[in-house]
Protein backbone atom coordinates (compact mmCIF):
# COMPACT_ATOMS: atom_id res chain seq x y z
CA UNK A 1 4.60 -2.11 196.19
CA UNK A 2 1.72 -4.60 196.20
CA UNK A 3 2.85 -5.99 199.54
CA UNK A 4 2.76 -2.51 201.12
CA UNK A 5 -0.70 -1.85 199.71
CA UNK A 6 -2.03 -5.16 201.04
CA UNK A 7 -0.67 -4.35 204.48
CA UNK A 8 -2.25 -0.86 204.34
CA UNK A 9 -5.66 -2.25 203.35
CA UNK A 10 -5.50 -5.00 205.99
CA UNK A 11 -4.94 -2.54 208.86
CA UNK A 12 -7.87 -1.95 211.19
CA UNK A 13 -9.11 1.57 210.39
CA UNK A 14 -11.01 3.47 213.08
CA UNK A 15 -12.80 6.82 213.35
CA UNK A 16 -10.89 8.90 215.91
CA UNK A 17 -13.75 11.41 215.98
CA UNK A 18 -16.11 8.98 217.71
CA UNK A 19 -14.58 7.57 220.85
CA UNK A 20 -16.80 5.21 222.81
CA UNK A 21 -17.35 5.28 226.58
CA UNK A 22 -15.22 2.16 227.02
CA UNK A 23 -12.23 3.89 225.35
CA UNK A 24 -12.44 2.08 221.99
CA UNK A 25 -13.11 3.72 218.64
CA UNK A 26 -15.92 3.12 216.18
CA UNK A 27 -14.85 1.38 212.97
CA UNK A 28 -14.27 3.61 209.97
CA UNK A 29 -17.19 3.98 207.60
CA UNK A 30 -20.89 3.91 208.24
CA UNK A 31 -23.51 1.22 208.06
CA UNK A 32 -26.47 1.77 205.78
CA UNK A 33 -28.81 4.31 207.37
CA UNK A 34 -26.43 5.10 210.25
CA UNK A 35 -26.32 8.73 211.38
CA UNK A 36 -23.24 10.19 213.08
CA UNK A 37 -22.42 13.67 214.20
CA UNK A 38 -19.66 15.24 212.08
CA UNK A 39 -17.45 13.77 209.39
CA UNK A 40 -15.34 10.73 210.26
CA UNK A 41 -11.56 11.12 210.56
CA UNK A 42 -10.17 7.65 209.90
CA UNK A 43 -6.68 6.43 210.77
CA UNK A 44 -5.20 2.97 211.41
CA UNK A 45 -5.75 1.77 214.98
CA UNK A 46 -1.99 1.68 215.66
CA UNK A 47 -1.67 5.35 214.70
CA UNK A 48 -4.73 6.31 216.77
CA UNK A 49 -3.18 4.71 219.84
CA UNK A 50 0.15 6.46 219.31
CA UNK A 51 -1.44 9.93 218.99
CA UNK A 52 -1.93 12.19 221.99
CA UNK A 53 -5.41 13.41 222.91
CA UNK A 54 -4.54 16.89 221.60
CA UNK A 55 -3.32 15.49 218.28
CA UNK A 56 -6.54 13.52 217.86
CA UNK A 57 -8.70 16.56 218.68
CA UNK A 58 -6.69 18.74 216.28
CA UNK A 59 -6.99 16.24 213.41
CA UNK A 60 -10.75 15.83 213.90
CA UNK A 61 -11.28 19.61 214.15
CA UNK A 62 -9.38 20.23 210.89
CA UNK A 63 -11.33 17.47 209.12
CA UNK A 64 -14.68 18.87 210.23
CA UNK A 65 -13.66 22.45 209.41
CA UNK A 66 -12.77 21.34 205.86
CA UNK A 67 -16.29 19.96 205.47
CA UNK A 68 -17.33 17.90 202.51
CA UNK A 69 -17.52 19.83 199.26
CA UNK A 70 -18.81 17.47 196.63
CA UNK A 71 -19.38 13.76 196.19
CA UNK A 72 -15.91 12.69 197.37
CA UNK A 73 -14.60 13.08 200.94
CA UNK A 74 -12.14 15.86 201.67
CA UNK A 75 -8.72 14.62 202.82
CA UNK A 76 -6.82 16.52 205.50
CA UNK A 77 -3.42 15.82 207.01
CA UNK A 78 -3.46 13.79 210.21
CA UNK A 79 -0.72 15.94 211.75
CA UNK A 80 -0.71 19.73 211.42
CA UNK A 81 2.32 21.32 209.79
CA UNK A 82 4.64 23.02 212.27
CA UNK A 83 5.09 26.76 211.96
CA UNK A 84 8.59 28.14 211.49
CA UNK A 85 10.15 30.35 214.13
CA UNK A 86 11.88 33.55 213.06
CA UNK A 87 13.85 36.08 215.07
CA UNK A 88 10.72 38.11 215.86
CA UNK A 89 8.36 35.20 216.57
CA UNK A 90 6.14 32.92 214.53
CA UNK A 91 6.01 33.30 210.78
């Protein structure tokens, strides 16, 4: 358990909501006094690279739609849940 947690903490976390012009991502978190548009959606760099552009946009949109209600950040799922298909269409 402790080994998995150390690995998780040691990963390079990036904000997929703020992509730079050179294609890299801003590091997760903010420096003192830094202003950014919208709430950060942070994922490990390896996961950010494996996601499609649509998946990244969807995750950031859901994070920003959830907003920040209170002193703690609101967590949202990185990948949207798939909708089930029924005989008549989507459920």
